[in-house]
């Protein structure tokens, strides 16, 4: 039971990260490498605020604002200075490494003596039987809120323009809208969610580490692929719901692999094999779950 709770907790945290990556890779068709740095950016901001006595709840919107700013910088480098999408993300990712160190003050920050969303006097007042379920409940509430807000936004005119920018930029231009501004907005939203996930993870594990963002892009992309591929037959599921479930399924697959006796050193290999098998099983989609041209009506 403890292992199941751990899978759900981490899966829900990474579900928010995956929703952010879903915006960039699947909607905008933008390979945003800065994700590996905006995740620890949210954690660094959280570590700084908690260690200075700020309420744990306040760290969430501030972390999101920091992530949105980083995403906007990526977008401006790409749009205003005509730098390629991949290089724009790499530039911001590289620069944020130093920024994160300056924000946190050092490479590792322990937060065991500070109150967090999951460890505080209110949580301690709960019955011992209920305390293990509190993190899952709080994370579920946050994930559901983020998912429904994102669904609502994508149903608005601005959300339509965001989706059209990734699939048909000419249509956006026809509507007298600036694709560049829409991309910047989309990258800001995506990285705000990534930083939010980093903030929650920092409070969940109660420490910040400068390397905690390493591999988050691959993890989130894997979650998007797992959700959009394995659950593609369930047409009643929204794409955002599939991404959330994909994150939980991915963490479940990792936990299963470890329970079968595989070494933690093999996690990257397990991820690579899992992605390969899923992609082979769904030949009508590309590497990020997007339906290939001509395949939709095949």
C-alpha atoms as a PDB file:
ATOM      1  CA  UNK A   1       0.000   0.000   0.000  1.00  0.00           C
ATOM      2  CA  UNK A   2       2.863   2.365   0.814  1.00  0.00           C
ATOM      3  CA  UNK A   3       4.397   1.715  -2.603  1.00  0.00           C
ATOM      4  CA  UNK A   4       1.069   2.443  -4.330  1.00  0.00           C
ATOM      5  CA  UNK A   5       0.760   5.741  -2.443  1.00  0.00           C
ATOM      6  CA  UNK A   6       4.311   6.645  -3.461  1.00  0.00           C
ATOM      7  CA  UNK A   7       3.528   5.977  -7.136  1.00  0.00           C
ATOM      8  CA  UNK A   8       0.365   8.090  -6.941  1.00  0.00           C
ATOM      9  CA  UNK A   9       2.137  10.940  -5.141  1.00  0.00           C
ATOM     10  CA  UNK A  10       5.029  11.179  -7.580  1.00  0.00           C
ATOM     11  CA  UNK A  11       2.796  10.478 -10.561  1.00  0.00           C
ATOM     12  CA  UNK A  12       0.490  13.367  -9.647  1.00  0.00           C
ATOM     13  CA  UNK A  13       3.410  15.748  -9.137  1.00  0.00           C
ATOM     14  CA  UNK A  14       4.834  14.848 -12.520  1.00  0.00           C
ATOM     15  CA  UNK A  15       1.365  15.057 -14.061  1.00  0.00           C
ATOM     16  CA  UNK A  16       1.493  18.856 -13.676  1.00  0.00           C
ATOM     17  CA  UNK A  17       4.954  18.855 -15.251  1.00  0.00           C
ATOM     18  CA  UNK A  18       3.632  16.689 -18.092  1.00  0.00           C
ATOM     19  CA  UNK A  19       0.719  19.056 -18.726  1.00  0.00           C
ATOM     20  CA  UNK A  20       3.240  21.852 -19.192  1.00  0.00           C
ATOM     21  CA  UNK A  21       5.288  19.771 -21.622  1.00  0.00           C
ATOM     22  CA  UNK A  22       2.055  18.783 -23.380  1.00  0.00           C
ATOM     23  CA  UNK A  23       1.514  22.458 -24.210  1.00  0.00           C
ATOM     24  CA  UNK A  24       4.973  22.937 -25.716  1.00  0.00           C
ATOM     25  CA  UNK A  25       5.564  19.662 -27.512  1.00  0.00           C
ATOM     26  CA  UNK A  26       2.114  18.556 -28.540  1.00  0.00           C
ATOM     27  CA  UNK A  27       0.194  21.802 -28.942  1.00  0.00           C
ATOM     28  CA  UNK A  28       2.915  24.259 -29.969  1.00  0.00           C
ATOM     29  CA  UNK A  29       5.230  21.684 -31.576  1.00  0.00           C
ATOM     30  CA  UNK A  30       8.099  23.410 -29.740  1.00  0.00           C
ATOM     31  CA  UNK A  31      10.962  21.315 -28.277  1.00  0.00           C
ATOM     32  CA  UNK A  32      11.465  23.378 -25.136  1.00  0.00           C
ATOM     33  CA  UNK A  33      14.712  22.240 -23.506  1.00  0.00           C
ATOM     34  CA  UNK A  34      14.429  24.883 -20.798  1.00  0.00           C
ATOM     35  CA  UNK A  35      12.072  22.540 -18.899  1.00  0.00           C
ATOM     36  CA  UNK A  36      15.082  20.876 -17.277  1.00  0.00           C
ATOM     37  CA  UNK A  37      15.897  24.229 -15.645  1.00  0.00           C
ATOM     38  CA  UNK A  38      12.457  25.706 -14.958  1.00  0.00           C
ATOM     39  CA  UNK A  39      11.552  22.642 -12.860  1.00  0.00           C
ATOM     40  CA  UNK A  40      14.392  23.333 -10.370  1.00  0.00           C
ATOM     41  CA  UNK A  41      13.661  27.067 -10.745  1.00  0.00           C
ATOM     42  CA  UNK A  42      10.301  26.507  -9.046  1.00  0.00           C
ATOM     43  CA  UNK A  43      12.041  24.429  -6.392  1.00  0.00           C
ATOM     44  CA  UNK A  44      14.739  27.082  -5.829  1.00  0.00           C
ATOM     45  CA  UNK A  45      12.148  29.833  -5.369  1.00  0.00           C
ATOM     46  CA  UNK A  46      10.257  27.578  -2.953  1.00  0.00           C
ATOM     47  CA  UNK A  47      13.403  26.761  -0.953  1.00  0.00           C
ATOM     48  CA  UNK A  48      14.263  30.453  -0.674  1.00  0.00           C
ATOM     49  CA  UNK A  49      10.780  31.444   0.473  1.00  0.00           C
ATOM     50  CA  UNK A  50      10.289  28.605   2.942  1.00  0.00           C
ATOM     51  CA  UNK A  51      13.691  29.165   4.535  1.00  0.00           C
ATOM     52  CA  UNK A  52      12.758  32.822   5.001  1.00  0.00           C
ATOM     53  CA  UNK A  53       9.471  32.077   6.732  1.00  0.00           C
ATOM     54  CA  UNK A  54       6.978  32.607   3.906  1.00  0.00           C
ATOM     55  CA  UNK A  55       3.789  30.503   3.932  1.00  0.00           C
ATOM     56  CA  UNK A  56       4.058  27.303   1.915  1.00  0.00           C
ATOM     57  CA  UNK A  57       0.926  28.117  -0.096  1.00  0.00           C
ATOM     58  CA  UNK A  58       2.397  31.438  -1.248  1.00  0.00           C
ATOM     59  CA  UNK A  59       5.341  29.671  -2.859  1.00  0.00           C
ATOM     60  CA  UNK A  60       3.085  28.172  -5.516  1.00  0.00           C
ATOM     61  CA  UNK A  61       2.000  31.353  -7.368  1.00  0.00           C
ATOM     62  CA  UNK A  62       5.452  32.922  -6.977  1.00  0.00           C
ATOM     63  CA  UNK A  63       7.102  29.825  -8.449  1.00  0.00           C
ATOM     64  CA  UNK A  64       4.631  29.884 -11.318  1.00  0.00           C
ATOM     65  CA  UNK A  65       5.431  33.539 -11.989  1.00  0.00           C
ATOM     66  CA  UNK A  66       9.157  32.744 -12.091  1.00  0.00           C
ATOM     67  CA  UNK A  67       8.537  29.858 -14.491  1.00  0.00           C
ATOM     68  CA  UNK A  68       6.305  32.019 -16.693  1.00  0.00           C
ATOM     69  CA  UNK A  69       9.042  34.639 -16.898  1.00  0.00           C
ATOM     70  CA  UNK A  70      11.600  32.010 -17.906  1.00  0.00           C
ATOM     71  CA  UNK A  71       9.230  30.666 -20.560  1.00  0.00           C
ATOM     72  CA  UNK A  72       8.673  34.173 -21.898  1.00  0.00           C
ATOM     73  CA  UNK A  73      12.439  34.645 -22.213  1.00  0.00           C
ATOM     74  CA  UNK A  74      12.679  31.423 -24.212  1.00  0.00           C
ATOM     75  CA  UNK A  75       9.873  32.599 -26.455  1.00  0.00           C
ATOM     76  CA  UNK A  76      11.376  36.049 -26.974  1.00  0.00           C
ATOM     77  CA  UNK A  77      14.768  34.611 -27.887  1.00  0.00           C
ATOM     78  CA  UNK A  78      13.039  32.416 -30.450  1.00  0.00           C
ATOM     79  CA  UNK A  79      10.550  34.961 -31.807  1.00  0.00           C
ATOM     80  CA  UNK A  80      12.366  38.288 -31.540  1.00  0.00           C
ATOM     81  CA  UNK A  81      15.892  37.138 -32.301  1.00  0.00           C
ATOM     82  CA  UNK A  82      15.004  34.334 -34.735  1.00  0.00           C
ATOM     83  CA  UNK A  83      16.941  31.696 -32.803  1.00  0.00           C
ATOM     84  CA  UNK A  84      15.893  28.081 -33.393  1.00  0.00           C
ATOM     85  CA  UNK A  85      13.449  26.523 -30.955  1.00  0.00           C
ATOM     86  CA  UNK A  86      15.929  23.931 -29.704  1.00  0.00           C
ATOM     87  CA  UNK A  87      18.743  26.432 -29.204  1.00  0.00           C
ATOM     88  CA  UNK A  88      16.451  28.940 -27.503  1.00  0.00           C
ATOM     89  CA  UNK A  89      15.590  26.386 -24.846  1.00  0.00           C
ATOM     90  CA  UNK A  90      19.217  25.343 -24.434  1.00  0.00           C
ATOM     91  CA  UNK A  91      20.301  28.957 -23.929  1.00  0.00           C
ATOM     92  CA  UNK A  92      17.708  29.540 -21.204  1.00  0.00           C
ATOM     93  CA  UNK A  93      18.382  26.160 -19.612  1.00  0.00           C
ATOM     94  CA  UNK A  94      22.097  26.924 -19.398  1.00  0.00           C
ATOM     95  CA  UNK A  95      21.576  30.400 -17.983  1.00  0.00           C
ATOM     96  CA  UNK A  96      19.011  29.261 -15.432  1.00  0.00           C
ATOM     97  CA  UNK A  97      21.514  26.869 -13.862  1.00  0.00           C
ATOM     98  CA  UNK A  98      23.390  29.846 -12.435  1.00  0.00           C
ATOM     99  CA  UNK A  99      20.183  31.732 -11.686  1.00  0.00           C
ATOM    100  CA  UNK A 100      18.873  28.795  -9.667  1.00  0.00           C
ATOM    101  CA  UNK A 101      22.097  28.653  -7.667  1.00  0.00           C
ATOM    102  CA  UNK A 102      21.855  32.362  -6.876  1.00  0.00           C
ATOM    103  CA  UNK A 103      18.201  32.057  -5.833  1.00  0.00           C
ATOM    104  CA  UNK A 104      18.712  29.045  -3.569  1.00  0.00           C
ATOM    105  CA  UNK A 105      22.079  30.280  -2.275  1.00  0.00           C
ATOM    106  CA  UNK A 106      23.761  26.891  -2.650  1.00  0.00           C
ATOM    107  CA  UNK A 107      23.461  23.624  -4.548  1.00  0.00           C
ATOM    108  CA  UNK A 108      21.555  21.828  -1.768  1.00  0.00           C
ATOM    109  CA  UNK A 109      19.015  23.269   0.668  1.00  0.00           C
ATOM    110  CA  UNK A 110      17.463  21.137   3.407  1.00  0.00           C
ATOM    111  CA  UNK A 111      13.913  22.073   4.437  1.00  0.00           C
ATOM    112  CA  UNK A 112      13.182  19.464   7.098  1.00  0.00           C
ATOM    113  CA  UNK A 113      12.796  22.095   9.826  1.00  0.00           C
ATOM    114  CA  UNK A 114      10.293  24.221   7.887  1.00  0.00           C
ATOM    115  CA  UNK A 115       6.561  23.820   7.359  1.00  0.00           C
ATOM    116  CA  UNK A 116       5.449  22.704   3.902  1.00  0.00           C
ATOM    117  CA  UNK A 117       2.131  21.913   2.261  1.00  0.00           C
ATOM    118  CA  UNK A 118       2.431  18.342   3.473  1.00  0.00           C
ATOM    119  CA  UNK A 119       4.184  18.749   6.822  1.00  0.00           C
ATOM    120  CA  UNK A 120       2.686  21.436   9.048  1.00  0.00           C
ATOM    121  CA  UNK A 121       0.744  21.782  12.331  1.00  0.00           C
ATOM    122  CA  UNK A 122      -2.600  21.291  10.567  1.00  0.00           C
ATOM    123  CA  UNK A 123      -1.401  18.066   8.971  1.00  0.00           C
ATOM    124  CA  UNK A 124       0.031  16.872  12.284  1.00  0.00           C
ATOM    125  CA  UNK A 125      -3.364  17.402  13.929  1.00  0.00           C
ATOM    126  CA  UNK A 126      -4.943  14.771  11.684  1.00  0.00           C
ATOM    127  CA  UNK A 127      -5.405  11.263  12.940  1.00  0.00           C
ATOM    128  CA  UNK A 128      -2.444   8.923  12.331  1.00  0.00           C
ATOM    129  CA  UNK A 129      -4.622   6.827  10.015  1.00  0.00           C
ATOM    130  CA  UNK A 130      -5.409   9.819   7.773  1.00  0.00           C
ATOM    131  CA  UNK A 131      -1.959  11.415   7.602  1.00  0.00           C
ATOM    132  CA  UNK A 132      -0.503   9.026   4.974  1.00  0.00           C
ATOM    133  CA  UNK A 133      -3.298   9.950   2.564  1.00  0.00           C
ATOM    134  CA  UNK A 134      -2.954  13.727   2.911  1.00  0.00           C
ATOM    135  CA  UNK A 135      -0.231  14.208   0.236  1.00  0.00           C
ATOM    136  CA  UNK A 136      -2.225  12.236  -2.344  1.00  0.00           C
ATOM    137  CA  UNK A 137      -5.401  14.170  -1.568  1.00  0.00           C
ATOM    138  CA  UNK A 138      -3.708  17.576  -1.806  1.00  0.00           C
ATOM    139  CA  UNK A 139      -1.902  16.662  -5.018  1.00  0.00           C
ATOM    140  CA  UNK A 140      -5.083  15.277  -6.556  1.00  0.00           C
ATOM    141  CA  UNK A 141      -6.906  18.531  -5.817  1.00  0.00           C
ATOM    142  CA  UNK A 142      -4.110  20.566  -7.422  1.00  0.00           C
ATOM    143  CA  UNK A 143      -3.869  18.324 -10.494  1.00  0.00           C
ATOM    144  CA  UNK A 144      -7.631  18.354 -11.067  1.00  0.00           C
ATOM    145  CA  UNK A 145      -7.682  22.155 -10.693  1.00  0.00           C
ATOM    146  CA  UNK A 146      -4.813  22.599 -13.175  1.00  0.00           C
ATOM    147  CA  UNK A 147      -6.342  20.141 -15.642  1.00  0.00           C
ATOM    148  CA  UNK A 148      -9.782  21.787 -15.659  1.00  0.00           C
ATOM    149  CA  UNK A 149      -8.326  25.289 -15.875  1.00  0.00           C
ATOM    150  CA  UNK A 150      -6.210  24.201 -18.842  1.00  0.00           C
ATOM    151  CA  UNK A 151      -9.226  22.548 -20.485  1.00  0.00           C
ATOM    152  CA  UNK A 152     -11.227  25.728 -20.008  1.00  0.00           C
ATOM    153  CA  UNK A 153      -8.467  27.885 -21.455  1.00  0.00           C
ATOM    154  CA  UNK A 154      -8.064  25.654 -24.510  1.00  0.00           C
ATOM    155  CA  UNK A 155     -11.789  26.045 -25.192  1.00  0.00           C
ATOM    156  CA  UNK A 156     -11.509  29.852 -25.343  1.00  0.00           C
ATOM    157  CA  UNK A 157     -10.582  31.958 -28.354  1.00  0.00           C
ATOM    158  CA  UNK A 158      -7.065  32.431 -27.010  1.00  0.00           C
ATOM    159  CA  UNK A 159      -6.755  28.668 -26.506  1.00  0.00           C
ATOM    160  CA  UNK A 160      -7.919  28.076 -30.062  1.00  0.00           C
ATOM    161  CA  UNK A 161      -5.204  30.404 -31.335  1.00  0.00           C
ATOM    162  CA  UNK A 162      -2.650  28.539 -29.225  1.00  0.00           C
ATOM    163  CA  UNK A 163      -3.671  25.208 -30.741  1.00  0.00           C
ATOM    164  CA  UNK A 164      -3.769  26.679 -34.234  1.00  0.00           C
ATOM    165  CA  UNK A 165      -0.260  28.114 -33.859  1.00  0.00           C
ATOM    166  CA  UNK A 166       1.192  24.630 -33.541  1.00  0.00           C
ATOM    167  CA  UNK A 167      -0.846  23.010 -36.312  1.00  0.00           C
ATOM    168  CA  UNK A 168      -1.624  25.809 -38.770  1.00  0.00           C
ATOM    169  CA  UNK A 169       0.295  29.083 -38.285  1.00  0.00           C
ATOM    170  CA  UNK A 170      -1.086  30.402 -41.559  1.00  0.00           C
ATOM    171  CA  UNK A 171      -4.597  30.239 -40.102  1.00  0.00           C
ATOM    172  CA  UNK A 172      -3.513  32.390 -37.161  1.00  0.00           C
ATOM    173  CA  UNK A 173      -2.004  34.911 -39.572  1.00  0.00           C
ATOM    174  CA  UNK A 174      -5.238  34.897 -41.572  1.00  0.00           C
ATOM    175  CA  UNK A 175      -7.062  35.863 -38.384  1.00  0.00           C
ATOM    176  CA  UNK A 176      -4.733  38.892 -38.084  1.00  0.00           C
ATOM    177  CA  UNK A 177      -3.023  37.463 -35.012  1.00  0.00           C
ATOM    178  CA  UNK A 178       0.692  37.399 -34.238  1.00  0.00           C
ATOM    179  CA  UNK A 179       1.955  33.796 -34.022  1.00  0.00           C
ATOM    180  CA  UNK A 180       5.032  34.993 -32.162  1.00  0.00           C
ATOM    181  CA  UNK A 181       3.022  36.489 -29.304  1.00  0.00           C
ATOM    182  CA  UNK A 182       0.913  33.349 -29.074  1.00  0.00           C
ATOM    183  CA  UNK A 183       4.070  31.211 -28.842  1.00  0.00           C
ATOM    184  CA  UNK A 184       5.466  33.398 -26.075  1.00  0.00           C
ATOM    185  CA  UNK A 185       2.179  33.102 -24.183  1.00  0.00           C
ATOM    186  CA  UNK A 186       2.128  29.338 -24.623  1.00  0.00           C
ATOM    187  CA  UNK A 187       5.720  28.933 -23.453  1.00  0.00           C
ATOM    188  CA  UNK A 188       4.999  31.108 -20.430  1.00  0.00           C
ATOM    189  CA  UNK A 189       1.995  28.992 -19.479  1.00  0.00           C
ATOM    190  CA  UNK A 190       3.874  25.738 -19.990  1.00  0.00           C
ATOM    191  CA  UNK A 191       6.874  26.741 -17.906  1.00  0.00           C
ATOM    192  CA  UNK A 192       4.620  28.157 -15.203  1.00  0.00           C
ATOM    193  CA  UNK A 193       3.159  24.656 -14.805  1.00  0.00           C
ATOM    194  CA  UNK A 194       6.641  23.098 -14.885  1.00  0.00           C
ATOM    195  CA  UNK A 195       7.834  25.449 -12.133  1.00  0.00           C
ATOM    196  CA  UNK A 196       4.676  24.713 -10.133  1.00  0.00           C
ATOM    197  CA  UNK A 197       5.519  21.020 -10.329  1.00  0.00           C
ATOM    198  CA  UNK A 198       9.060  21.785  -9.156  1.00  0.00           C
ATOM    199  CA  UNK A 199       7.705  23.769  -6.213  1.00  0.00           C
ATOM    200  CA  UNK A 200       5.426  20.906  -5.158  1.00  0.00           C
ATOM    201  CA  UNK A 201       8.224  18.366  -5.534  1.00  0.00           C
ATOM    202  CA  UNK A 202      10.538  20.504  -3.400  1.00  0.00           C
ATOM    203  CA  UNK A 203       7.951  20.591  -0.617  1.00  0.00           C
ATOM    204  CA  UNK A 204       7.167  16.899  -1.017  1.00  0.00           C
ATOM    205  CA  UNK A 205      10.780  15.748  -0.646  1.00  0.00           C
ATOM    206  CA  UNK A 206      11.657  18.680   1.667  1.00  0.00           C
ATOM    207  CA  UNK A 207      14.902  19.676  -0.011  1.00  0.00           C
ATOM    208  CA  UNK A 208      16.227  21.466  -3.070  1.00  0.00           C
ATOM    209  CA  UNK A 209      19.013  20.120  -5.240  1.00  0.00           C
ATOM    210  CA  UNK A 210      20.421  21.913  -8.266  1.00  0.00           C
ATOM    211  CA  UNK A 211      20.396  18.685 -10.302  1.00  0.00           C
ATOM    212  CA  UNK A 212      16.790  17.745  -9.528  1.00  0.00           C
ATOM    213  CA  UNK A 213      15.692  18.908 -12.987  1.00  0.00           C
ATOM    214  CA  UNK A 214      17.974  16.541 -14.870  1.00  0.00           C
ATOM    215  CA  UNK A 215      15.873  14.247 -17.031  1.00  0.00           C
ATOM    216  CA  UNK A 216      12.540  15.925 -16.295  1.00  0.00           C
ATOM    217  CA  UNK A 217      11.980  16.679 -19.979  1.00  0.00           C
ATOM    218  CA  UNK A 218      12.418  13.013 -20.887  1.00  0.00           C
ATOM    219  CA  UNK A 219      10.175  11.953 -18.011  1.00  0.00           C
ATOM    220  CA  UNK A 220       7.434  14.380 -19.009  1.00  0.00           C
ATOM    221  CA  UNK A 221       7.700  13.465 -22.694  1.00  0.00           C
ATOM    222  CA  UNK A 222       7.457   9.801 -21.713  1.00  0.00           C
ATOM    223  CA  UNK A 223       4.307  10.529 -19.707  1.00  0.00           C
ATOM    224  CA  UNK A 224       2.759  12.373 -22.657  1.00  0.00           C
ATOM    225  CA  UNK A 225       3.582   9.493 -24.987  1.00  0.00           C
ATOM    226  CA  UNK A 226       2.313   6.828 -22.586  1.00  0.00           C
ATOM    227  CA  UNK A 227      -0.940   8.704 -22.067  1.00  0.00           C
ATOM    228  CA  UNK A 228      -1.631   9.681 -25.663  1.00  0.00           C
ATOM    229  CA  UNK A 229      -0.592   6.300 -27.094  1.00  0.00           C
ATOM    230  CA  UNK A 230      -1.828   3.697 -24.644  1.00  0.00           C
ATOM    231  CA  UNK A 231      -5.095   5.514 -23.946  1.00  0.00           C
ATOM    232  CA  UNK A 232      -5.735   6.728 -27.490  1.00  0.00           C
ATOM    233  CA  UNK A 233      -8.522   4.162 -27.917  1.00  0.00           C
ATOM    234  CA  UNK A 234     -10.512   5.712 -25.068  1.00  0.00           C
ATOM    235  CA  UNK A 235     -12.006   8.511 -27.099  1.00  0.00           C
ATOM    236  CA  UNK A 236     -14.109   9.792 -24.215  1.00  0.00           C
ATOM    237  CA  UNK A 237     -10.911  10.880 -22.437  1.00  0.00           C
ATOM    238  CA  UNK A 238      -9.667  14.396 -22.983  1.00  0.00           C
ATOM    239  CA  UNK A 239      -6.027  14.695 -23.992  1.00  0.00           C
ATOM    240  CA  UNK A 240      -5.197  16.402 -20.703  1.00  0.00           C
ATOM    241  CA  UNK A 241      -6.744  13.530 -18.759  1.00  0.00           C
ATOM    242  CA  UNK A 242      -4.709  11.050 -20.800  1.00  0.00           C
ATOM    243  CA  UNK A 243      -1.523  12.978 -19.997  1.00  0.00           C
ATOM    244  CA  UNK A 244      -2.298  12.917 -16.263  1.00  0.00           C
ATOM    245  CA  UNK A 245      -2.989   9.189 -16.356  1.00  0.00           C
ATOM    246  CA  UNK A 246       0.115   8.706 -18.482  1.00  0.00           C
ATOM    247  CA  UNK A 247       2.292  10.261 -15.785  1.00  0.00           C
ATOM    248  CA  UNK A 248       0.854   7.906 -13.164  1.00  0.00           C
ATOM    249  CA  UNK A 249       1.222   4.897 -15.469  1.00  0.00           C
ATOM    250  CA  UNK A 250       4.815   5.818 -16.254  1.00  0.00           C
ATOM    251  CA  UNK A 251       5.753   6.067 -12.574  1.00  0.00           C
ATOM    252  CA  UNK A 252       3.920   2.786 -12.025  1.00  0.00           C
ATOM    253  CA  UNK A 253       5.980   1.092 -14.735  1.00  0.00           C
ATOM    254  CA  UNK A 254       9.186   2.385 -13.145  1.00  0.00           C
ATOM    255  CA  UNK A 255       8.104   1.164  -9.710  1.00  0.00           C
ATOM    256  CA  UNK A 256       7.203  -2.226 -11.188  1.00  0.00           C
ATOM    257  CA  UNK A 257      10.600  -2.506 -12.860  1.00  0.00           C
ATOM    258  CA  UNK A 258      12.337  -1.759  -9.556  1.00  0.00           C
ATOM    259  CA  UNK A 259      10.157  -4.253  -7.694  1.00  0.00           C
ATOM    260  CA  UNK A 260      11.246  -6.945 -10.156  1.00  0.00           C
ATOM    261  CA  UNK A 261      14.808  -6.505  -9.004  1.00  0.00           C
ATOM    262  CA  UNK A 262      16.219  -4.097 -11.565  1.00  0.00           C
ATOM    263  CA  UNK A 263      18.899  -1.714 -10.363  1.00  0.00           C
ATOM    264  CA  UNK A 264      18.151   2.043 -10.163  1.00  0.00           C
ATOM    265  CA  UNK A 265      21.030   2.336 -12.643  1.00  0.00           C
ATOM    266  CA  UNK A 266      18.725   0.722 -15.211  1.00  0.00           C
ATOM    267  CA  UNK A 267      15.936   3.315 -14.977  1.00  0.00           C
ATOM    268  CA  UNK A 268      17.030   5.211 -18.087  1.00  0.00           C
ATOM    269  CA  UNK A 269      17.248   1.935 -20.010  1.00  0.00           C
ATOM    270  CA  UNK A 270      13.762   0.980 -18.819  1.00  0.00           C
ATOM    271  CA  UNK A 271      12.464   4.363 -19.983  1.00  0.00           C
ATOM    272  CA  UNK A 272      14.113   3.984 -23.396  1.00  0.00           C
ATOM    273  CA  UNK A 273      12.713   0.480 -23.915  1.00  0.00           C
ATOM    274  CA  UNK A 274       9.246   1.536 -22.729  1.00  0.00           C
ATOM    275  CA  UNK A 275       9.127   4.502 -25.112  1.00  0.00           C
ATOM    276  CA  UNK A 276      10.399   2.392 -28.004  1.00  0.00           C
ATOM    277  CA  UNK A 277       7.731  -0.271 -27.493  1.00  0.00           C
ATOM    278  CA  UNK A 278       4.929   2.271 -27.187  1.00  0.00           C
ATOM    279  CA  UNK A 279       6.038   4.166 -30.284  1.00  0.00           C
ATOM    280  CA  UNK A 280       6.289   0.971 -32.309  1.00  0.00           C
ATOM    281  CA  UNK A 281       2.808   0.018 -31.142  1.00  0.00           C
ATOM    282  CA  UNK A 282       1.416   3.304 -32.432  1.00  0.00           C
ATOM    283  CA  UNK A 283       3.011   3.798 -35.829  1.00  0.00           C
ATOM    284  CA  UNK A 284       0.444   6.364 -36.864  1.00  0.00           C
ATOM    285  CA  UNK A 285       1.793   8.921 -34.429  1.00  0.00           C
ATOM    286  CA  UNK A 286       5.089  10.758 -34.180  1.00  0.00           C
ATOM    287  CA  UNK A 287       7.582  10.747 -31.303  1.00  0.00           C
ATOM    288  CA  UNK A 288       5.437  12.994 -29.134  1.00  0.00           C
ATOM    289  CA  UNK A 289       2.073  11.406 -29.802  1.00  0.00           C
ATOM    290  CA  UNK A 290       0.979  13.831 -32.537  1.00  0.00           C
ATOM    291  CA  UNK A 291      -1.058  12.253 -35.310  1.00  0.00           C
ATOM    292  CA  UNK A 292       0.947  12.251 -38.521  1.00  0.00           C
ATOM    293  CA  UNK A 293      -0.393  14.037 -41.557  1.00  0.00           C
ATOM    294  CA  UNK A 294      -2.686  11.769 -43.495  1.00  0.00           C
ATOM    295  CA  UNK A 295      -2.893   9.218 -40.695  1.00  0.00           C
ATOM    296  CA  UNK A 296      -5.986  10.645 -39.019  1.00  0.00           C
ATOM    297  CA  UNK A 297      -8.260   9.471 -41.832  1.00  0.00           C
ATOM    298  CA  UNK A 298      -6.331   6.362 -42.746  1.00  0.00           C
END
